[in-house]
PDB file of N, CA and C in Angstrom:
ATOM      1  N   MET A   1       0.845  -1.185   0.000  1.00  0.00           N
ATOM      2  CA  MET A   1       0.000   0.000   0.000  1.00  0.00           C
ATOM      3  C   MET A   1       0.886   1.243   0.000  1.00  0.00           C
ATOM      4  N   LYS A   2       0.703   2.074  -0.999  1.00  0.00           N
ATOM      5  CA  LYS A   2       1.509   3.283  -1.128  1.00  0.00           C
ATOM      6  C   LYS A   2       0.850   4.431  -0.379  1.00  0.00           C
ATOM      7  N   PRO A   3       1.648   5.293   0.242  1.00  0.00           N
ATOM      8  CA  PRO A   3       1.065   6.452   0.921  1.00  0.00           C
ATOM      9  C   PRO A   3       0.494   7.447  -0.083  1.00  0.00           C
ATOM     10  N   LYS A   4      -0.363   8.323   0.407  1.00  0.00           N
ATOM     11  CA  LYS A   4      -1.038   9.284  -0.463  1.00  0.00           C
ATOM     12  C   LYS A   4      -0.076  10.294  -1.076  1.00  0.00           C
ATOM     13  N   GLU A   5       1.012  10.612  -0.369  1.00  0.00           N
ATOM     14  CA  GLU A   5       1.892  11.653  -0.863  1.00  0.00           C
ATOM     15  C   GLU A   5       2.932  11.160  -1.862  1.00  0.00           C
ATOM     16  N   SER A   6       2.799   9.927  -2.361  1.00  0.00           N
ATOM     17  CA  SER A   6       3.756   9.444  -3.352  1.00  0.00           C
ATOM     18  C   SER A   6       3.469  10.110  -4.696  1.00  0.00           C
ATOM     19  N   PHE A   7       4.526  10.276  -5.459  1.00  0.00           N
ATOM     20  CA  PHE A   7       4.393  10.906  -6.766  1.00  0.00           C
ATOM     21  C   PHE A   7       3.813   9.897  -7.758  1.00  0.00           C
ATOM     22  N   GLU A   8       3.039  10.396  -8.701  1.00  0.00           N
ATOM     23  CA  GLU A   8       2.423   9.515  -9.695  1.00  0.00           C
ATOM     24  C   GLU A   8       3.468   8.901 -10.611  1.00  0.00           C
ATOM     25  N   PHE A   9       4.522   9.649 -10.924  1.00  0.00           N
ATOM     26  CA  PHE A   9       5.519   9.143 -11.863  1.00  0.00           C
ATOM     27  C   PHE A   9       6.425   8.072 -11.248  1.00  0.00           C
ATOM     28  N   CYS A  10       6.326   7.852  -9.940  1.00  0.00           N
ATOM     29  CA  CYS A  10       7.131   6.797  -9.314  1.00  0.00           C
ATOM     30  C   CYS A  10       6.656   5.408  -9.727  1.00  0.00           C
ATOM     31  N   ASP A  11       5.429   5.299 -10.198  1.00  0.00           N
ATOM     32  CA  ASP A  11       4.905   4.010 -10.635  1.00  0.00           C
ATOM     33  C   ASP A  11       5.355   3.651 -12.049  1.00  0.00           C
ATOM     34  N   LYS A  12       5.878   4.629 -12.795  1.00  0.00           N
ATOM     35  CA  LYS A  12       6.333   4.358 -14.158  1.00  0.00           C
ATOM     36  C   LYS A  12       7.568   3.468 -14.135  1.00  0.00           C
ATOM     37  N   LYS A  13       7.697   2.638 -15.178  1.00  0.00           N
ATOM     38  CA  LYS A  13       8.862   1.755 -15.266  1.00  0.00           C
ATOM     39  C   LYS A  13      10.115   2.541 -15.636  1.00  0.00           C
ATOM     40  N   PHE A  14      10.002   3.463 -16.573  1.00  0.00           N
ATOM     41  CA  PHE A  14      11.139   4.268 -17.012  1.00  0.00           C
ATOM     42  C   PHE A  14      10.923   5.708 -16.576  1.00  0.00           C
ATOM     43  N   LYS A  15      11.881   6.226 -15.798  1.00  0.00           N
ATOM     44  CA  LYS A  15      11.802   7.597 -15.298  1.00  0.00           C
ATOM     45  C   LYS A  15      13.063   8.340 -15.711  1.00  0.00           C
ATOM     46  N   ASP A  16      12.959   9.657 -15.837  1.00  0.00           N
ATOM     47  CA  ASP A  16      14.175  10.420 -16.094  1.00  0.00           C
ATOM     48  C   ASP A  16      14.932  10.610 -14.776  1.00  0.00           C
ATOM     49  N   PHE A  17      16.080  11.245 -14.845  1.00  0.00           N
ATOM     50  CA  PHE A  17      16.969  11.356 -13.683  1.00  0.00           C
ATOM     51  C   PHE A  17      16.299  12.086 -12.522  1.00  0.00           C
ATOM     52  N   ASN A  18      15.641  13.204 -12.804  1.00  0.00           N
ATOM     53  CA  ASN A  18      15.013  13.992 -11.736  1.00  0.00           C
ATOM     54  C   ASN A  18      13.873  13.228 -11.063  1.00  0.00           C
ATOM     55  N   GLU A  19      13.054  12.560 -11.854  1.00  0.00           N
ATOM     56  CA  GLU A  19      11.961  11.778 -11.279  1.00  0.00           C
ATOM     57  C   GLU A  19      12.495  10.637 -10.421  1.00  0.00           C
ATOM     58  N   ASP A  20      13.537   9.967 -10.910  1.00  0.00           N
ATOM     59  CA  ASP A  20      14.126   8.863 -10.153  1.00  0.00           C
ATOM     60  C   ASP A  20      14.724   9.360  -8.844  1.00  0.00           C
ATOM     61  N   LEU A  21      15.372  10.509  -8.881  1.00  0.00           N
ATOM     62  CA  LEU A  21      15.958  11.084  -7.671  1.00  0.00           C
ATOM     63  C   LEU A  21      14.873  11.431  -6.652  1.00  0.00           C
ATOM     64  N   LEU A  22      13.780  12.023  -7.107  1.00  0.00           N
ATOM     65  CA  LEU A  22      12.676  12.354  -6.204  1.00  0.00           C
ATOM     66  C   LEU A  22      12.056  11.101  -5.591  1.00  0.00           C
ATOM     67  N   CYS A  23      11.916  10.051  -6.383  1.00  0.00           N
ATOM     68  CA  CYS A  23      11.341   8.807  -5.859  1.00  0.00           C
ATOM     69  C   CYS A  23      12.269   8.172  -4.827  1.00  0.00           C
ATOM     70  N   GLN A  24      13.582   8.208  -5.079  1.00  0.00           N
ATOM     71  CA  GLN A  24      14.532   7.646  -4.117  1.00  0.00           C
ATOM     72  C   GLN A  24      14.549   8.453  -2.826  1.00  0.00           C
ATOM     73  N   GLN A  25      14.467   9.770  -2.935  1.00  0.00           N
ATOM     74  CA  GLN A  25      14.425  10.608  -1.732  1.00  0.00           C
ATOM     75  C   GLN A  25      13.170  10.320  -0.916  1.00  0.00           C
ATOM     76  N   GLN A  26      12.067  10.122  -1.594  1.00  0.00           N
ATOM     77  CA  GLN A  26      10.821   9.821  -0.895  1.00  0.00           C
ATOM     78  C   GLN A  26      10.902   8.465  -0.197  1.00  0.00           C
ATOM     79  N   GLU A  27      11.492   7.467  -0.860  1.00  0.00           N
ATOM     80  CA  GLU A  27      11.651   6.149  -0.234  1.00  0.00           C
ATOM     81  C   GLU A  27      12.553   6.237   0.988  1.00  0.00           C
ATOM     82  N   LEU A  28      13.625   7.020   0.905  1.00  0.00           N
ATOM     83  CA  LEU A  28      14.527   7.194   2.042  1.00  0.00           C
ATOM     84  C   LEU A  28      13.808   7.882   3.195  1.00  0.00           C
ATOM     85  N   MET A  29      13.005   8.882   2.889  1.00  0.00           N
ATOM     86  CA  MET A  29      12.256   9.586   3.928  1.00  0.00           C
ATOM     87  C   MET A  29      11.261   8.652   4.615  1.00  0.00           C
ATOM     88  N   GLU A  30      10.582   7.833   3.840  1.00  0.00           N
ATOM     89  CA  GLU A  30       9.636   6.872   4.416  1.00  0.00           C
ATOM     90  C   GLU A  30      10.363   5.855   5.291  1.00  0.00           C
ATOM     91  N   PHE A  31      11.540   5.411   4.856  1.00  0.00           N
ATOM     92  CA  PHE A  31      12.307   4.437   5.634  1.00  0.00           C
ATOM     93  C   PHE A  31      12.780   5.040   6.949  1.00  0.00           C
ATOM     94  N   THR A  32      13.288   6.274   6.916  1.00  0.00           N
ATOM     95  CA  THR A  32      13.813   6.881   8.141  1.00  0.00           C
ATOM     96  C   THR A  32      12.702   7.245   9.118  1.00  0.00           C
ATOM     97  N   THR A  33      11.515   7.558   8.633  1.00  0.00           N
ATOM     98  CA  THR A  33      10.422   7.852   9.557  1.00  0.00           C
ATOM     99  C   THR A  33       9.809   6.574  10.117  1.00  0.00           C
ATOM    100  N   ALA A  34       9.884   5.479   9.369  1.00  0.00           N
ATOM    101  CA  ALA A  34       9.338   4.214   9.855  1.00  0.00           C
ATOM    102  C   ALA A  34      10.276   3.546  10.856  1.00  0.00           C
ATOM    103  N   ASN A  35      11.598   3.670  10.651  1.00  0.00           N
ATOM    104  CA  ASN A  35      12.571   3.022  11.528  1.00  0.00           C
ATOM    105  C   ASN A  35      13.740   3.985  11.748  1.00  0.00           C
ATOM    106  N   PRO A  36      13.637   4.900  12.707  1.00  0.00           N
ATOM    107  CA  PRO A  36      14.659   5.936  12.867  1.00  0.00           C
ATOM    108  C   PRO A  36      15.913   5.492  13.613  1.00  0.00           C
ATOM    109  N   VAL A  37      15.975   4.247  14.103  1.00  0.00           N
ATOM    110  CA  VAL A  37      17.123   3.823  14.912  1.00  0.00           C
ATOM    111  C   VAL A  37      18.419   3.878  14.106  1.00  0.00           C
ATOM    112  N   GLY A  38      18.417   3.346  12.899  1.00  0.00           N
ATOM    113  CA  GLY A  38      19.617   3.374  12.063  1.00  0.00           C
ATOM    114  C   GLY A  38      20.049   4.785  11.739  1.00  0.00           C
ATOM    115  N   PHE A  39      19.085   5.640  11.496  1.00  0.00           N
ATOM    116  CA  PHE A  39      19.361   7.040  11.186  1.00  0.00           C
ATOM    117  C   PHE A  39      20.015   7.733  12.379  1.00  0.00           C
ATOM    118  N   ILE A  40      19.519   7.474  13.577  1.00  0.00           N
ATOM    119  CA  ILE A  40      20.069   8.079  14.794  1.00  0.00           C
ATOM    120  C   ILE A  40      21.477   7.560  15.048  1.00  0.00           C
ATOM    121  N   VAL A  41      21.687   6.260  14.885  1.00  0.00           N
ATOM    122  CA  VAL A  41      23.018   5.677  15.089  1.00  0.00           C
ATOM    123  C   VAL A  41      24.014   6.279  14.107  1.00  0.00           C
ATOM    124  N   PHE A  42      23.613   6.463  12.853  1.00  0.00           N
ATOM    125  CA  PHE A  42      24.497   7.065  11.856  1.00  0.00           C
ATOM    126  C   PHE A  42      24.922   8.466  12.281  1.00  0.00           C
ATOM    127  N   TYR A  43      23.996   9.294  12.723  1.00  0.00           N
ATOM    128  CA  TYR A  43      24.339  10.649  13.120  1.00  0.00           C
ATOM    129  C   TYR A  43      25.191  10.685  14.380  1.00  0.00           C
ATOM    130  N   VAL A  44      24.944   9.794  15.327  1.00  0.00           N
ATOM    131  CA  VAL A  44      25.776   9.745  16.534  1.00  0.00           C
ATOM    132  C   VAL A  44      27.206   9.370  16.163  1.00  0.00           C
ATOM    133  N   LEU A  45      27.371   8.371  15.306  1.00  0.00           N
ATOM    134  CA  LEU A  45      28.713   7.980  14.880  1.00  0.00           C
ATOM    135  C   LEU A  45      29.401   9.090  14.090  1.00  0.00           C
ATOM    136  N   ALA A  46      28.653   9.808  13.275  1.00  0.00           N
ATOM    137  CA  ALA A  46      29.234  10.915  12.519  1.00  0.00           C
ATOM    138  C   ALA A  46      29.713  12.020  13.454  1.00  0.00           C
ATOM    139  N   ILE A  47      28.951  12.325  14.485  1.00  0.00           N
ATOM    140  CA  ILE A  47      29.345  13.366  15.442  1.00  0.00           C
ATOM    141  C   ILE A  47      30.574  12.936  16.223  1.00  0.00           C
ATOM    142  N   VAL A  48      30.634  11.667  16.639  1.00  0.00           N
ATOM    143  CA  VAL A  48      31.810  11.172  17.363  1.00  0.00           C
ATOM    144  C   VAL A  48      33.043  11.214  16.466  1.00  0.00           C
ATOM    145  N   PHE A  49      32.897  10.857  15.203  1.00  0.00           N
ATOM    146  CA  PHE A  49      34.016  10.899  14.264  1.00  0.00           C
ATOM    147  C   PHE A  49      34.523  12.322  14.072  1.00  0.00           C
ATOM    148  N   ILE A  50      33.625  13.272  13.889  1.00  0.00           N
ATOM    149  CA  ILE A  50      34.022  14.672  13.711  1.00  0.00           C
ATOM    150  C   ILE A  50      34.673  15.207  14.974  1.00  0.00           C
ATOM    151  N   ALA A  51      34.160  14.822  16.141  1.00  0.00           N
ATOM    152  CA  ALA A  51      34.773  15.244  17.403  1.00  0.00           C
ATOM    153  C   ALA A  51      36.184  14.677  17.525  1.00  0.00           C
ATOM    154  N   GLY A  52      36.387  13.442  17.096  1.00  0.00           N
ATOM    155  CA  GLY A  52      37.727  12.847  17.118  1.00  0.00           C
ATOM    156  C   GLY A  52      38.677  13.571  16.194  1.00  0.00           C
ATOM    157  N   LEU A  53      38.216  13.936  15.009  1.00  0.00           N
ATOM    158  CA  LEU A  53      39.068  14.701  14.091  1.00  0.00           C
ATOM    159  C   LEU A  53      39.415  16.062  14.670  1.00  0.00           C
ATOM    160  N   PHE A  54      38.465  16.705  15.322  1.00  0.00           N
ATOM    161  CA  PHE A  54      38.725  17.999  15.942  1.00  0.00           C
ATOM    162  C   PHE A  54      39.753  17.852  17.053  1.00  0.00           C
ATOM    163  N   HIS A  55      39.625  16.810  17.855  1.00  0.00           N
ATOM    164  CA  HIS A  55      40.579  16.572  18.943  1.00  0.00           C
ATOM    165  C   HIS A  55      41.983  16.345  18.382  1.00  0.00           C
ATOM    166  N   LEU A  56      42.100  15.571  17.315  1.00  0.00           N
ATOM    167  CA  LEU A  56      43.409  15.340  16.708  1.00  0.00           C
ATOM    168  C   LEU A  56      43.996  16.616  16.125  1.00  0.00           C
ATOM    169  N   SER A  57      43.159  17.504  15.633  1.00  0.00           N
ATOM    170  CA  SER A  57      43.670  18.749  15.059  1.00  0.00           C
ATOM    171  C   SER A  57      44.187  19.694  16.135  1.00  0.00           C
ATOM    172  N   GLN A  58      43.752  19.515  17.374  1.00  0.00           N
ATOM    173  CA  GLN A  58      44.187  20.386  18.461  1.00  0.00           C
ATOM    174  C   GLN A  58      45.464  19.897  19.138  1.00  0.00           C
ATOM    175  N   LEU A  59      45.881  18.665  18.890  1.00  0.00           N
ATOM    176  CA  LEU A  59      47.097  18.140  19.506  1.00  0.00           C
ATOM    177  C   LEU A  59      48.324  18.753  18.856  1.00  0.00           C
ATOM    178  N   ASN A  60      49.335  19.007  19.677  1.00  0.00           N
ATOM    179  CA  ASN A  60      50.582  19.543  19.154  1.00  0.00           C
ATOM    180  C   ASN A  60      51.602  18.408  19.170  1.00  0.00           C
ATOM    181  N   PHE A  61      51.828  17.806  18.032  1.00  0.00           N
ATOM    182  CA  PHE A  61      52.705  16.648  17.947  1.00  0.00           C
ATOM    183  C   PHE A  61      54.182  17.028  18.034  1.00  0.00           C
ATOM    184  N   LYS A  62      54.539  18.270  17.727  1.00  0.00           N
ATOM    185  CA  LYS A  62      55.944  18.692  17.778  1.00  0.00           C
ATOM    186  C   LYS A  62      56.442  18.753  19.216  1.00  0.00           C
ATOM    187  N   LYS A  63      55.653  19.262  20.138  1.00  0.00           N
ATOM    188  CA  LYS A  63      56.060  19.341  21.541  1.00  0.00           C
ATOM    189  C   LYS A  63      56.099  17.964  22.184  1.00  0.00           C
ATOM    190  N   ARG A  64      55.249  17.096  21.765  1.00  0.00           N
ATOM    191  CA  ARG A  64      55.132  15.782  22.385  1.00  0.00           C
ATOM    192  C   ARG A  64      56.401  14.945  22.172  1.00  0.00           C
ATOM    193  N   GLY A  65      57.057  15.075  21.048  1.00  0.00           N
ATOM    194  CA  GLY A  65      58.238  14.274  20.749  1.00  0.00           C
ATOM    195  C   GLY A  65      59.512  14.798  21.384  1.00  0.00           C
ATOM    196  N   LYS A  66      59.555  16.023  21.905  1.00  0.00           N
ATOM    197  CA  LYS A  66      60.768  16.649  22.449  1.00  0.00           C
ATOM    198  C   LYS A  66      60.753  16.698  23.964  1.00  0.00           C
ATOM    199  N   LYS A  67      60.544  15.583  24.617  1.00  0.00           N
ATOM    200  CA  LYS A  67      60.578  15.557  26.083  1.00  0.00           C
ATOM    201  C   LYS A  67      62.027  15.498  26.548  1.00  0.00           C
ATOM    202  N   LYS A  68      62.384  16.339  27.538  1.00  0.00           N
ATOM    203  CA  LYS A  68      63.751  16.360  28.071  1.00  0.00           C
ATOM    204  C   LYS A  68      63.747  16.076  29.536  1.00  0.00           C
TER     205      LYS A  68
END
């Protein structure tokens, strides 16, 4: 059963690039609203990764190697 807000051209067998992109975006939106756990895990991991890169950019590796 398709939701009411689906595009009519999504039922066509052959679509142009823009129509196909819109249909894929709509399918992704339906998937993330139906099961948001994977979406939340992805964003949490992305934030942790960016925080790790920021932490590495703040380290001063030149001072660390010259201990006397």
